[in-house]
Full PDB file with SEQRES, HELIX, SHEET, SSBOND, CRYST1, ORIGX, SCALE, CONECT and MASTER records, all heavy atoms in Angstrom:
SEQRES   1 A   42  ARG ASP TRP THR TYR ARG GLU LEU GLU SER ALA VAL HIS          
SEQRES   2 A   42  ARG THR ALA ARG ARG LEU GLU ALA ALA GLY ILE SER PRO          
SEQRES   3 A   42  ASP ASP ARG VAL ALA ALA PHE GLY ALA ASN SER ASP ALA          
SEQRES   4 A   42  PHE ALA ILE                                                  
HELIX    1 AA1 TYR A    5  ALA A   21  1                                  17    
HELIX    2 AA2 ASP A   38  ALA A   41  1                                   4    
CRYST1    1.000    1.000    1.000  90.00  90.00  90.00 P 1           1          
ORIGX1      1.000000  0.000000  0.000000        0.00000                         
ORIGX2      0.000000  1.000000  0.000000        0.00000                         
ORIGX3      0.000000  0.000000  1.000000        0.00000                         
SCALE1      1.000000  0.000000  0.000000        0.00000                         
SCALE2      0.000000  1.000000  0.000000        0.00000                         
SCALE3      0.000000  0.000000  1.000000        0.00000                         
ATOM      1  N   ARG A   1     -68.868  16.938 166.780  1.00  0.00           N  
ATOM      2  CA  ARG A   1     -68.830  17.703 168.036  1.00  0.00           C  
ATOM      3  C   ARG A   1     -67.423  17.719 168.602  1.00  0.00           C  
ATOM      4  O   ARG A   1     -66.806  16.678 168.774  1.00  0.00           O  
ATOM      5  CB  ARG A   1     -69.792  17.076 169.051  1.00  0.00           C  
ATOM      6  CG  ARG A   1     -69.728  17.626 170.460  1.00  0.00           C  
ATOM      7  CD  ARG A   1     -70.369  19.006 170.557  1.00  0.00           C  
ATOM      8  NE  ARG A   1     -70.767  19.319 171.909  1.00  0.00           N  
ATOM      9  CZ  ARG A   1     -70.084  20.127 172.723  1.00  0.00           C  
ATOM     10  NH1 ARG A   1     -68.962  20.679 172.322  1.00  0.00           N  
ATOM     11  NH2 ARG A   1     -70.529  20.374 173.936  1.00  0.00           N  
ATOM     12  N   ASP A   2     -66.914  18.923 168.854  1.00  0.00           N  
ATOM     13  CA  ASP A   2     -65.643  19.094 169.539  1.00  0.00           C  
ATOM     14  C   ASP A   2     -65.916  19.578 170.959  1.00  0.00           C  
ATOM     15  O   ASP A   2     -66.770  20.445 171.178  1.00  0.00           O  
ATOM     16  CB  ASP A   2     -64.771  20.147 168.842  1.00  0.00           C  
ATOM     17  CG  ASP A   2     -64.192  19.668 167.528  1.00  0.00           C  
ATOM     18  OD1 ASP A   2     -64.304  18.470 167.231  1.00  0.00           O  
ATOM     19  OD2 ASP A   2     -63.627  20.506 166.815  1.00  0.00           O  
ATOM     20  N   TRP A   3     -65.195  19.032 171.927  1.00  0.00           N  
ATOM     21  CA  TRP A   3     -65.294  19.425 173.334  1.00  0.00           C  
ATOM     22  C   TRP A   3     -63.972  20.082 173.746  1.00  0.00           C  
ATOM     23  O   TRP A   3     -62.912  19.472 173.576  1.00  0.00           O  
ATOM     24  CB  TRP A   3     -65.515  18.197 174.219  1.00  0.00           C  
ATOM     25  CG  TRP A   3     -66.820  17.517 174.020  1.00  0.00           C  
ATOM     26  CD1 TRP A   3     -67.148  16.631 173.033  1.00  0.00           C  
ATOM     27  CD2 TRP A   3     -67.980  17.656 174.824  1.00  0.00           C  
ATOM     28  NE1 TRP A   3     -68.430  16.207 173.185  1.00  0.00           N  
ATOM     29  CE2 TRP A   3     -68.975  16.823 174.279  1.00  0.00           C  
ATOM     30  CE3 TRP A   3     -68.273  18.391 175.966  1.00  0.00           C  
ATOM     31  CZ2 TRP A   3     -70.243  16.719 174.833  1.00  0.00           C  
ATOM     32  CZ3 TRP A   3     -69.536  18.294 176.524  1.00  0.00           C  
ATOM     33  CH2 TRP A   3     -70.507  17.461 175.955  1.00  0.00           C  
ATOM     34  N   THR A   4     -64.036  21.288 174.284  1.00  0.00           N  
ATOM     35  CA  THR A   4     -62.834  21.896 174.835  1.00  0.00           C  
ATOM     36  C   THR A   4     -62.571  21.269 176.201  1.00  0.00           C  
ATOM     37  O   THR A   4     -63.446  20.611 176.778  1.00  0.00           O  
ATOM     38  CB  THR A   4     -62.989  23.416 175.017  1.00  0.00           C  
ATOM     39  OG1 THR A   4     -63.978  23.666 176.018  1.00  0.00           O  
ATOM     40  CG2 THR A   4     -63.343  24.106 173.697  1.00  0.00           C  
ATOM     41  N   TYR A   5     -61.371  21.504 176.717  1.00  0.00           N  
ATOM     42  CA  TYR A   5     -61.081  20.988 178.056  1.00  0.00           C  
ATOM     43  C   TYR A   5     -62.047  21.569 179.082  1.00  0.00           C  
ATOM     44  O   TYR A   5     -62.497  20.871 179.984  1.00  0.00           O  
ATOM     45  CB  TYR A   5     -59.629  21.283 178.461  1.00  0.00           C  
ATOM     46  CG  TYR A   5     -58.668  20.289 177.876  1.00  0.00           C  
ATOM     47  CD1 TYR A   5     -57.848  20.632 176.810  1.00  0.00           C  
ATOM     48  CD2 TYR A   5     -58.594  18.994 178.372  1.00  0.00           C  
ATOM     49  CE1 TYR A   5     -56.969  19.715 176.273  1.00  0.00           C  
ATOM     50  CE2 TYR A   5     -57.720  18.070 177.839  1.00  0.00           C  
ATOM     51  CZ  TYR A   5     -56.912  18.436 176.794  1.00  0.00           C  
ATOM     52  OH  TYR A   5     -56.050  17.515 176.259  1.00  0.00           O  
ATOM     53  N   ARG A   6     -62.384  22.849 178.954  1.00  0.00           N  
ATOM     54  CA  ARG A   6     -63.316  23.479 179.898  1.00  0.00           C  
ATOM     55  C   ARG A   6     -64.698  22.811 179.817  1.00  0.00           C  
ATOM     56  O   ARG A   6     -65.296  22.487 180.843  1.00  0.00           O  
ATOM     57  CB  ARG A   6     -63.433  24.971 179.628  1.00  0.00           C  
ATOM     58  CG  ARG A   6     -64.373  25.681 180.604  1.00  0.00           C  
ATOM     59  CD  ARG A   6     -64.509  27.172 180.345  1.00  0.00           C  
ATOM     60  NE  ARG A   6     -63.235  27.831 180.559  1.00  0.00           N  
ATOM     61  CZ  ARG A   6     -62.589  28.565 179.639  1.00  0.00           C  
ATOM     62  NH1 ARG A   6     -63.103  28.729 178.440  1.00  0.00           N  
ATOM     63  NH2 ARG A   6     -61.449  29.133 179.922  1.00  0.00           N  
ATOM     64  N   GLU A   7     -65.189  22.590 178.600  1.00  0.00           N  
ATOM     65  CA  GLU A   7     -66.495  21.943 178.427  1.00  0.00           C  
ATOM     66  C   GLU A   7     -66.473  20.508 178.937  1.00  0.00           C  
ATOM     67  O   GLU A   7     -67.431  20.062 179.583  1.00  0.00           O  
ATOM     68  CB  GLU A   7     -66.898  21.950 176.952  1.00  0.00           C  
ATOM     69  CG  GLU A   7     -67.201  23.306 176.393  1.00  0.00           C  
ATOM     70  CD  GLU A   7     -67.328  23.299 174.877  1.00  0.00           C  
ATOM     71  OE1 GLU A   7     -66.684  22.464 174.198  1.00  0.00           O  
ATOM     72  OE2 GLU A   7     -68.082  24.146 174.375  1.00  0.00           O  
ATOM     73  N   LEU A   8     -65.396  19.806 178.633  1.00  0.00           N  
ATOM     74  CA  LEU A   8     -65.281  18.418 179.071  1.00  0.00           C  
ATOM     75  C   LEU A   8     -65.268  18.330 180.595  1.00  0.00           C  
ATOM     76  O   LEU A   8     -65.986  17.523 181.183  1.00  0.00           O  
ATOM     77  CB  LEU A   8     -64.026  17.779 178.480  1.00  0.00           C  
ATOM     78  CG  LEU A   8     -63.811  16.301 178.780  1.00  0.00           C  
ATOM     79  CD1 LEU A   8     -64.943  15.455 178.215  1.00  0.00           C  
ATOM     80  CD2 LEU A   8     -62.464  15.851 178.209  1.00  0.00           C  
ATOM     81  N   GLU A   9     -64.458  19.168 181.246  1.00  0.00           N  
ATOM     82  CA  GLU A   9     -64.411  19.151 182.713  1.00  0.00           C  
ATOM     83  C   GLU A   9     -65.786  19.457 183.311  1.00  0.00           C  
ATOM     84  O   GLU A   9     -66.224  18.792 184.254  1.00  0.00           O  
ATOM     85  CB  GLU A   9     -63.390  20.154 183.236  1.00  0.00           C  
ATOM     86  CG  GLU A   9     -63.326  20.141 184.758  1.00  0.00           C  
ATOM     87  CD  GLU A   9     -62.519  21.277 185.334  1.00  0.00           C  
ATOM     88  OE1 GLU A   9     -62.636  22.406 184.840  1.00  0.00           O  
ATOM     89  OE2 GLU A   9     -61.789  21.021 186.296  1.00  0.00           O  
ATOM     90  N   SER A  10     -66.484  20.429 182.751  1.00  0.00           N  
ATOM     91  CA  SER A  10     -67.817  20.782 183.250  1.00  0.00           C  
ATOM     92  C   SER A  10     -68.792  19.615 183.097  1.00  0.00           C  
ATOM     93  O   SER A  10     -69.545  19.283 184.018  1.00  0.00           O  
ATOM     94  CB  SER A  10     -68.334  22.012 182.497  1.00  0.00           C  
ATOM     95  OG  SER A  10     -69.619  22.355 182.926  1.00  0.00           O  
ATOM     96  N   ALA A  11     -68.782  18.966 181.932  1.00  0.00           N  
ATOM     97  CA  ALA A  11     -69.671  17.829 181.694  1.00  0.00           C  
ATOM     98  C   ALA A  11     -69.329  16.663 182.620  1.00  0.00           C  
ATOM     99  O   ALA A  11     -70.227  16.002 183.163  1.00  0.00           O  
ATOM    100  CB  ALA A  11     -69.590  17.390 180.232  1.00  0.00           C  
ATOM    101  N   VAL A  12     -68.042  16.402 182.823  1.00  0.00           N  
ATOM    102  CA  VAL A  12     -67.618  15.320 183.717  1.00  0.00           C  
ATOM    103  C   VAL A  12     -68.060  15.624 185.139  1.00  0.00           C  
ATOM    104  O   VAL A  12     -68.588  14.751 185.843  1.00  0.00           O  
ATOM    105  CB  VAL A  12     -66.084  15.113 183.633  1.00  0.00           C  
ATOM    106  CG1 VAL A  12     -65.578  14.229 184.759  1.00  0.00           C  
ATOM    107  CG2 VAL A  12     -65.718  14.516 182.279  1.00  0.00           C  
ATOM    108  N   HIS A  13     -67.887  16.867 185.589  1.00  0.00           N  
ATOM    109  CA  HIS A  13     -68.283  17.257 186.942  1.00  0.00           C  
ATOM    110  C   HIS A  13     -69.803  17.095 187.138  1.00  0.00           C  
ATOM    111  O   HIS A  13     -70.244  16.510 188.128  1.00  0.00           O  
ATOM    112  CB  HIS A  13     -67.859  18.701 187.213  1.00  0.00           C  
ATOM    113  CG  HIS A  13     -68.238  19.189 188.564  1.00  0.00           C  
ATOM    114  ND1 HIS A  13     -67.547  18.830 189.698  1.00  0.00           N  
ATOM    115  CD2 HIS A  13     -69.245  19.992 188.972  1.00  0.00           C  
ATOM    116  CE1 HIS A  13     -68.116  19.398 190.751  1.00  0.00           C  
ATOM    117  NE2 HIS A  13     -69.143  20.107 190.330  1.00  0.00           N  
ATOM    118  N   ARG A  14     -70.588  17.593 186.184  1.00  0.00           N  
ATOM    119  CA  ARG A  14     -72.062  17.462 186.282  1.00  0.00           C  
ATOM    120  C   ARG A  14     -72.478  15.998 186.331  1.00  0.00           C  
ATOM    121  O   ARG A  14     -73.337  15.598 187.117  1.00  0.00           O  
ATOM    122  CB  ARG A  14     -72.737  18.144 185.087  1.00  0.00           C  
ATOM    123  CG  ARG A  14     -72.870  19.624 185.190  1.00  0.00           C  
ATOM    124  CD  ARG A  14     -73.815  20.201 184.116  1.00  0.00           C  
ATOM    125  NE  ARG A  14     -73.632  19.640 182.789  1.00  0.00           N  
ATOM    126  CZ  ARG A  14     -72.751  20.081 181.893  1.00  0.00           C  
ATOM    127  NH1 ARG A  14     -71.950  21.077 182.190  1.00  0.00           N  
ATOM    128  NH2 ARG A  14     -72.677  19.520 180.704  1.00  0.00           N  
ATOM    129  N   THR A  15     -71.867  15.188 185.475  1.00  0.00           N  
ATOM    130  CA  THR A  15     -72.205  13.762 185.426  1.00  0.00           C  
ATOM    131  C   THR A  15     -71.835  13.073 186.730  1.00  0.00           C  
ATOM    132  O   THR A  15     -72.615  12.270 187.266  1.00  0.00           O  
ATOM    133  CB  THR A  15     -71.514  13.098 184.224  1.00  0.00           C  
ATOM    134  OG1 THR A  15     -71.907  13.783 183.028  1.00  0.00           O  
ATOM    135  CG2 THR A  15     -71.873  11.633 184.122  1.00  0.00           C  
ATOM    136  N   ALA A  16     -70.665  13.382 187.268  1.00  0.00           N  
ATOM    137  CA  ALA A  16     -70.239  12.777 188.540  1.00  0.00           C  
ATOM    138  C   ALA A  16     -71.212  13.156 189.661  1.00  0.00           C  
ATOM    139  O   ALA A  16     -71.554  12.314 190.500  1.00  0.00           O  
ATOM    140  CB  ALA A  16     -68.822  13.218 188.887  1.00  0.00           C  
ATOM    141  N   ARG A  17     -71.658  14.403 189.707  1.00  0.00           N  
ATOM    142  CA  ARG A  17     -72.622  14.823 190.751  1.00  0.00           C  
ATOM    143  C   ARG A  17     -73.942  14.054 190.610  1.00  0.00           C  
ATOM    144  O   ARG A  17     -74.542  13.648 191.603  1.00  0.00           O  
ATOM    145  CB  ARG A  17     -72.905  16.325 190.680  1.00  0.00           C  
ATOM    146  CG  ARG A  17     -71.719  17.249 190.935  1.00  0.00           C  
ATOM    147  CD  ARG A  17     -70.995  17.132 192.260  1.00  0.00           C  
ATOM    148  NE  ARG A  17     -70.185  15.963 192.477  1.00  0.00           N  
ATOM    149  CZ  ARG A  17     -68.932  15.753 192.056  1.00  0.00           C  
ATOM    150  NH1 ARG A  17     -68.319  16.649 191.351  1.00  0.00           N  
ATOM    151  NH2 ARG A  17     -68.291  14.632 192.332  1.00  0.00           N  
ATOM    152  N   ARG A  18     -74.386  13.841 189.374  1.00  0.00           N  
ATOM    153  CA  ARG A  18     -75.629  13.078 189.155  1.00  0.00           C  
ATOM    154  C   ARG A  18     -75.455  11.617 189.582  1.00  0.00           C  
ATOM    155  O   ARG A  18     -76.372  11.022 190.155  1.00  0.00           O  
ATOM    156  CB  ARG A  18     -76.051  13.165 187.701  1.00  0.00           C  
ATOM    157  CG  ARG A  18     -76.574  14.532 187.326  1.00  0.00           C  
ATOM    158  CD  ARG A  18     -76.992  14.591 185.888  1.00  0.00           C  
ATOM    159  NE  ARG A  18     -77.503  15.913 185.576  1.00  0.00           N  
ATOM    160  CZ  ARG A  18     -77.489  16.429 184.380  1.00  0.00           C  
ATOM    161  NH1 ARG A  18     -77.016  15.748 183.353  1.00  0.00           N  
ATOM    162  NH2 ARG A  18     -77.969  17.637 184.169  1.00  0.00           N  
ATOM    163  N   LEU A  19     -74.294  11.057 189.294  1.00  0.00           N  
ATOM    164  CA  LEU A  19     -74.039   9.673 189.713  1.00  0.00           C  
ATOM    165  C   LEU A  19     -74.002   9.563 191.234  1.00  0.00           C  
ATOM    166  O   LEU A  19     -74.552   8.616 191.802  1.00  0.00           O  
ATOM    167  CB  LEU A  19     -72.716   9.183 189.114  1.00  0.00           C  
ATOM    168  CG  LEU A  19     -72.704   9.022 187.597  1.00  0.00           C  
ATOM    169  CD1 LEU A  19     -71.281   8.826 187.097  1.00  0.00           C  
ATOM    170  CD2 LEU A  19     -73.601   7.878 187.161  1.00  0.00           C  
ATOM    171  N   GLU A  20     -73.381  10.516 191.891  1.00  0.00           N  
ATOM    172  CA  GLU A  20     -73.363  10.528 193.364  1.00  0.00           C  
ATOM    173  C   GLU A  20     -74.777  10.646 193.913  1.00  0.00           C  
ATOM    174  O   GLU A  20     -75.138   9.956 194.868  1.00  0.00           O  
ATOM    175  CB  GLU A  20     -72.492  11.672 193.877  1.00  0.00           C  
ATOM    176  CG  GLU A  20     -71.017  11.418 193.688  1.00  0.00           C  
ATOM    177  CD  GLU A  20     -70.157  12.622 194.032  1.00  0.00           C  
ATOM    178  OE1 GLU A  20     -70.684  13.740 194.221  1.00  0.00           O  
ATOM    179  OE2 GLU A  20     -68.926  12.440 194.109  1.00  0.00           O  
ATOM    180  N   ALA A  21     -75.592  11.510 193.308  1.00  0.00           N  
ATOM    181  CA  ALA A  21     -76.978  11.666 193.744  1.00  0.00           C  
ATOM    182  C   ALA A  21     -77.773  10.376 193.551  1.00  0.00           C  
ATOM    183  O   ALA A  21     -78.707  10.091 194.308  1.00  0.00           O  
ATOM    184  CB  ALA A  21     -77.647  12.813 192.986  1.00  0.00           C  
ATOM    185  N   ALA A  22     -77.372   9.580 192.570  1.00  0.00           N  
ATOM    186  CA  ALA A  22     -78.039   8.296 192.312  1.00  0.00           C  
ATOM    187  C   ALA A  22     -77.507   7.186 193.214  1.00  0.00           C  
ATOM    188  O   ALA A  22     -77.985   6.057 193.149  1.00  0.00           O  
ATOM    189  CB  ALA A  22     -77.861   7.906 190.845  1.00  0.00           C  
ATOM    190  N   GLY A  23     -76.511   7.507 194.056  1.00  0.00           N  
ATOM    191  CA  GLY A  23     -76.026   6.521 195.011  1.00  0.00           C  
ATOM    192  C   GLY A  23     -74.709   5.851 194.658  1.00  0.00           C  
ATOM    193  O   GLY A  23     -74.262   4.957 195.373  1.00  0.00           O  
ATOM    194  N   ILE A  24     -74.059   6.265 193.575  1.00  0.00           N  
ATOM    195  CA  ILE A  24     -72.762   5.693 193.223  1.00  0.00           C  
ATOM    196  C   ILE A  24     -71.709   6.318 194.130  1.00  0.00           C  
ATOM    197  O   ILE A  24     -71.668   7.529 194.299  1.00  0.00           O  
ATOM    198  CB  ILE A  24     -72.411   5.946 191.746  1.00  0.00           C  
ATOM    199  CG1 ILE A  24     -73.491   5.399 190.821  1.00  0.00           C  
ATOM    200  CG2 ILE A  24     -71.038   5.379 191.401  1.00  0.00           C  
ATOM    201  CD1 ILE A  24     -73.677   3.905 190.882  1.00  0.00           C  
ATOM    202  N   SER A  25     -70.850   5.476 194.702  1.00  0.00           N  
ATOM    203  CA  SER A  25     -69.818   5.925 195.646  1.00  0.00           C  
ATOM    204  C   SER A  25     -68.445   5.464 195.184  1.00  0.00           C  
ATOM    205  O   SER A  25     -68.337   4.556 194.359  1.00  0.00           O  
ATOM    206  CB  SER A  25     -70.087   5.327 197.037  1.00  0.00           C  
ATOM    207  OG  SER A  25     -71.345   5.708 197.503  1.00  0.00           O  
ATOM    208  N   PRO A  26     -67.370   6.063 195.743  1.00  0.00           N  
ATOM    209  CA  PRO A  26     -66.033   5.568 195.423  1.00  0.00           C  
ATOM    210  C   PRO A  26     -65.943   4.066 195.694  1.00  0.00           C  
ATOM    211  O   PRO A  26     -66.554   3.559 196.636  1.00  0.00           O  
ATOM    212  CB  PRO A  26     -65.124   6.356 196.371  1.00  0.00           C  
ATOM    213  CG  PRO A  26     -65.874   7.630 196.604  1.00  0.00           C  
ATOM    214  CD  PRO A  26     -67.331   7.225 196.635  1.00  0.00           C  
ATOM    215  N   ASP A  27     -65.222   3.378 194.853  1.00  0.00           N  
ATOM    216  CA  ASP A  27     -64.996   1.936 194.903  1.00  0.00           C  
ATOM    217  C   ASP A  27     -66.190   1.101 194.459  1.00  0.00           C  
ATOM    218  O   ASP A  27     -66.085  -0.127 194.409  1.00  0.00           O  
ATOM    219  CB  ASP A  27     -64.514   1.470 196.278  1.00  0.00           C  
ATOM    220  CG  ASP A  27     -63.172   2.073 196.655  1.00  0.00           C  
ATOM    221  OD1 ASP A  27     -62.311   2.186 195.748  1.00  0.00           O  
ATOM    222  OD2 ASP A  27     -62.983   2.435 197.818  1.00  0.00           O  
ATOM    223  N   ASP A  28     -67.337   1.722 194.147  1.00  0.00           N  
ATOM    224  CA  ASP A  28     -68.447   0.959 193.561  1.00  0.00           C  
ATOM    225  C   ASP A  28     -68.016   0.457 192.189  1.00  0.00           C  
ATOM    226  O   ASP A  28     -67.251   1.110 191.480  1.00  0.00           O  
ATOM    227  CB  ASP A  28     -69.693   1.832 193.383  1.00  0.00           C  
ATOM    228  CG  ASP A  28     -70.500   1.972 194.651  1.00  0.00           C  
ATOM    229  OD1 ASP A  28     -70.157   1.336 195.668  1.00  0.00           O  
ATOM    230  OD2 ASP A  28     -71.483   2.744 194.629  1.00  0.00           O  
ATOM    231  N   ARG A  29     -68.499  -0.709 191.809  1.00  0.00           N  
ATOM    232  CA  ARG A  29     -68.272  -1.257 190.472  1.00  0.00           C  
ATOM    233  C   ARG A  29     -69.423  -0.783 189.602  1.00  0.00           C  
ATOM    234  O   ARG A  29     -70.585  -0.910 189.991  1.00  0.00           O  
ATOM    235  CB  ARG A  29     -68.254  -2.784 190.484  1.00  0.00           C  
ATOM    236  CG  ARG A  29     -67.120  -3.509 191.217  1.00  0.00           C  
ATOM    237  CD  ARG A  29     -65.947  -2.694 191.493  1.00  0.00           C  
ATOM    238  NE  ARG A  29     -64.843  -3.468 192.077  1.00  0.00           N  
ATOM    239  CZ  ARG A  29     -64.147  -3.032 193.100  1.00  0.00           C  
ATOM    240  NH1 ARG A  29     -64.445  -1.892 193.691  1.00  0.00           N  
ATOM    241  NH2 ARG A  29     -63.119  -3.710 193.543  1.00  0.00           N  
ATOM    242  N   VAL A  30     -69.090  -0.223 188.439  1.00  0.00           N  
ATOM    243  CA  VAL A  30     -70.109   0.332 187.549  1.00  0.00           C  
ATOM    244  C   VAL A  30     -69.892  -0.161 186.133  1.00  0.00           C  
ATOM    245  O   VAL A  30     -68.772  -0.494 185.748  1.00  0.00           O  
ATOM    246  CB  VAL A  30     -70.087   1.880 187.585  1.00  0.00           C  
ATOM    247  CG1 VAL A  30     -70.539   2.403 188.945  1.00  0.00           C  
ATOM    248  CG2 VAL A  30     -68.703   2.420 187.258  1.00  0.00           C  
ATOM    249  N   ALA A  31     -70.970  -0.215 185.360  1.00  0.00           N  
ATOM    250  CA  ALA A  31     -70.887  -0.630 183.966  1.00  0.00           C  
ATOM    251  C   ALA A  31     -71.946   0.102 183.171  1.00  0.00           C  
ATOM    252  O   ALA A  31     -72.983   0.482 183.708  1.00  0.00           O  
ATOM    253  CB  ALA A  31     -71.094  -2.141 183.848  1.00  0.00           C  
ATOM    254  N   ALA A  32     -71.667   0.307 181.930  1.00  0.00           N  
ATOM    255  CA  ALA A  32     -72.649   0.878 181.000  1.00  0.00           C  
ATOM    256  C   ALA A  32     -72.459   0.160 179.673  1.00  0.00           C  
ATOM    257  O   ALA A  32     -71.351  -0.265 179.335  1.00  0.00           O  
ATOM    258  CB  ALA A  32     -72.428   2.371 180.827  1.00  0.00           C  
ATOM    259  N   PHE A  33     -73.519   0.040 178.951  1.00  0.00           N  
ATOM    260  CA  PHE A  33     -73.478  -0.659 177.682  1.00  0.00           C  
ATOM    261  C   PHE A  33     -74.034   0.259 176.611  1.00  0.00           C  
ATOM    262  O   PHE A  33     -75.080   0.859 176.789  1.00  0.00           O  
ATOM    263  CB  PHE A  33     -74.283  -1.962 177.759  1.00  0.00           C  
ATOM    264  CG  PHE A  33     -73.775  -2.846 178.864  1.00  0.00           C  
ATOM    265  CD1 PHE A  33     -74.344  -2.799 180.119  1.00  0.00           C  
ATOM    266  CD2 PHE A  33     -72.692  -3.681 178.649  1.00  0.00           C  
ATOM    267  CE1 PHE A  33     -73.857  -3.579 181.153  1.00  0.00           C  
ATOM    268  CE2 PHE A  33     -72.192  -4.460 179.683  1.00  0.00           C  
ATOM    269  CZ  PHE A  33     -72.774  -4.408 180.931  1.00  0.00           C  
ATOM    270  N   GLY A  34     -73.296   0.407 175.527  1.00  0.00           N  
ATOM    271  CA  GLY A  34     -73.725   1.257 174.432  1.00  0.00           C  
ATOM    272  C   GLY A  34     -72.609   1.415 173.425  1.00  0.00           C  
ATOM    273  O   GLY A  34     -71.513   0.884 173.597  1.00  0.00           O  
ATOM    274  N   ALA A  35     -72.893   2.181 172.414  1.00  0.00           N  
ATOM    275  CA  ALA A  35     -71.915   2.420 171.361  1.00  0.00           C  
ATOM    276  C   ALA A  35     -70.889   3.456 171.813  1.00  0.00           C  
ATOM    277  O   ALA A  35     -71.151   4.242 172.725  1.00  0.00           O  
ATOM    278  CB  ALA A  35     -72.632   2.918 170.113  1.00  0.00           C  
ATOM    279  N   ASN A  36     -69.713   3.431 171.178  1.00  0.00           N  
ATOM    280  CA  ASN A  36     -68.730   4.474 171.441  1.00  0.00           C  
ATOM    281  C   ASN A  36     -69.349   5.835 171.145  1.00  0.00           C  
ATOM    282  O   ASN A  36     -70.033   6.005 170.144  1.00  0.00           O  
ATOM    283  CB  ASN A  36     -67.504   4.292 170.542  1.00  0.00           C  
ATOM    284  CG  ASN A  36     -66.627   3.157 170.993  1.00  0.00           C  
ATOM    285  OD1 ASN A  36     -66.642   2.769 172.147  1.00  0.00           O  
ATOM    286  ND2 ASN A  36     -65.851   2.621 170.072  1.00  0.00           N  
ATOM    287  N   SER A  37     -69.123   6.784 172.043  1.00  0.00           N  
ATOM    288  CA  SER A  37     -69.660   8.126 171.859  1.00  0.00           C  
ATOM    289  C   SER A  37     -68.956   9.079 172.808  1.00  0.00           C  
ATOM    290  O   SER A  37     -68.271   8.650 173.738  1.00  0.00           O  
ATOM    291  CB  SER A  37     -71.171   8.150 172.143  1.00  0.00           C  
ATOM    292  OG  SER A  37     -71.401   7.934 173.524  1.00  0.00           O  
ATOM    293  N   ASP A  38     -69.185  10.371 172.598  1.00  0.00           N  
ATOM    294  CA  ASP A  38     -68.660  11.352 173.529  1.00  0.00           C  
ATOM    295  C   ASP A  38     -69.354  11.197 174.886  1.00  0.00           C  
ATOM    296  O   ASP A  38     -68.722  11.344 175.932  1.00  0.00           O  
ATOM    297  CB  ASP A  38     -68.778  12.773 172.990  1.00  0.00           C  
ATOM    298  CG  ASP A  38     -70.151  13.123 172.456  1.00  0.00           C  
ATOM    299  OD1 ASP A  38     -71.036  12.241 172.360  1.00  0.00           O  
ATOM    300  OD2 ASP A  38     -70.348  14.302 172.105  1.00  0.00           O  
ATOM    301  N   ALA A  39     -70.620  10.846 174.891  1.00  0.00           N  
ATOM    302  CA  ALA A  39     -71.344  10.646 176.151  1.00  0.00           C  
ATOM    303  C   ALA A  39     -70.729   9.511 176.960  1.00  0.00           C  
ATOM    304  O   ALA A  39     -70.585   9.613 178.189  1.00  0.00           O  
ATOM    305  CB  ALA A  39     -72.822  10.365 175.872  1.00  0.00           C  
ATOM    306  N   PHE A  40     -70.336   8.426 176.290  1.00  0.00           N  
ATOM    307  CA  PHE A  40     -69.718   7.319 177.005  1.00  0.00           C  
ATOM    308  C   PHE A  40     -68.358   7.733 177.568  1.00  0.00           C  
ATOM    309  O   PHE A  40     -68.005   7.381 178.689  1.00  0.00           O  
ATOM    310  CB  PHE A  40     -69.570   6.086 176.112  1.00  0.00           C  
ATOM    311  CG  PHE A  40     -69.177   4.864 176.883  1.00  0.00           C  
ATOM    312  CD1 PHE A  40     -70.131   4.086 177.502  1.00  0.00           C  
ATOM    313  CD2 PHE A  40     -67.849   4.515 177.031  1.00  0.00           C  
ATOM    314  CE1 PHE A  40     -69.772   2.970 178.244  1.00  0.00           C  
ATOM    315  CE2 PHE A  40     -67.475   3.401 177.770  1.00  0.00           C  
ATOM    316  CZ  PHE A  40     -68.448   2.626 178.376  1.00  0.00           C  
ATOM    317  N   ALA A  41     -67.583   8.508 176.795  1.00  0.00           N  
ATOM    318  CA  ALA A  41     -66.282   8.994 177.286  1.00  0.00           C  
ATOM    319  C   ALA A  41     -66.479   9.866 178.528  1.00  0.00           C  
ATOM    320  O   ALA A  41     -65.735   9.741 179.508  1.00  0.00           O  
ATOM    321  CB  ALA A  41     -65.562   9.769 176.190  1.00  0.00           C  
ATOM    322  N   ILE A  42     -67.480  10.728 178.511  1.00  0.00           N  
ATOM    323  CA  ILE A  42     -67.769  11.591 179.667  1.00  0.00           C  
ATOM    324  C   ILE A  42     -68.190  10.748 180.857  1.00  0.00           C  
ATOM    325  O   ILE A  42     -67.738  10.981 181.987  1.00  0.00           O  
ATOM    326  CB  ILE A  42     -68.834  12.643 179.299  1.00  0.00           C  
ATOM    327  CG1 ILE A  42     -68.221  13.662 178.336  1.00  0.00           C  
ATOM    328  CG2 ILE A  42     -69.398  13.326 180.546  1.00  0.00           C  
ATOM    329  CD1 ILE A  42     -69.218  14.537 177.633  1.00  0.00           C  
TER     330      ILE A  42                                                      
MASTER        0    0    0    2    0    0    0    6  329    1    0    4          
END                                                                             
């Protein structure tokens, strides 16, 4: 899978909005555990 800059920015924006909706705020400490992947990079 190749991601263009446009696709990457869109995916990052959507993910950030979902995280905000889940209650994540600036300066919150966050962690995720999993294998290296494009999803983890996003």
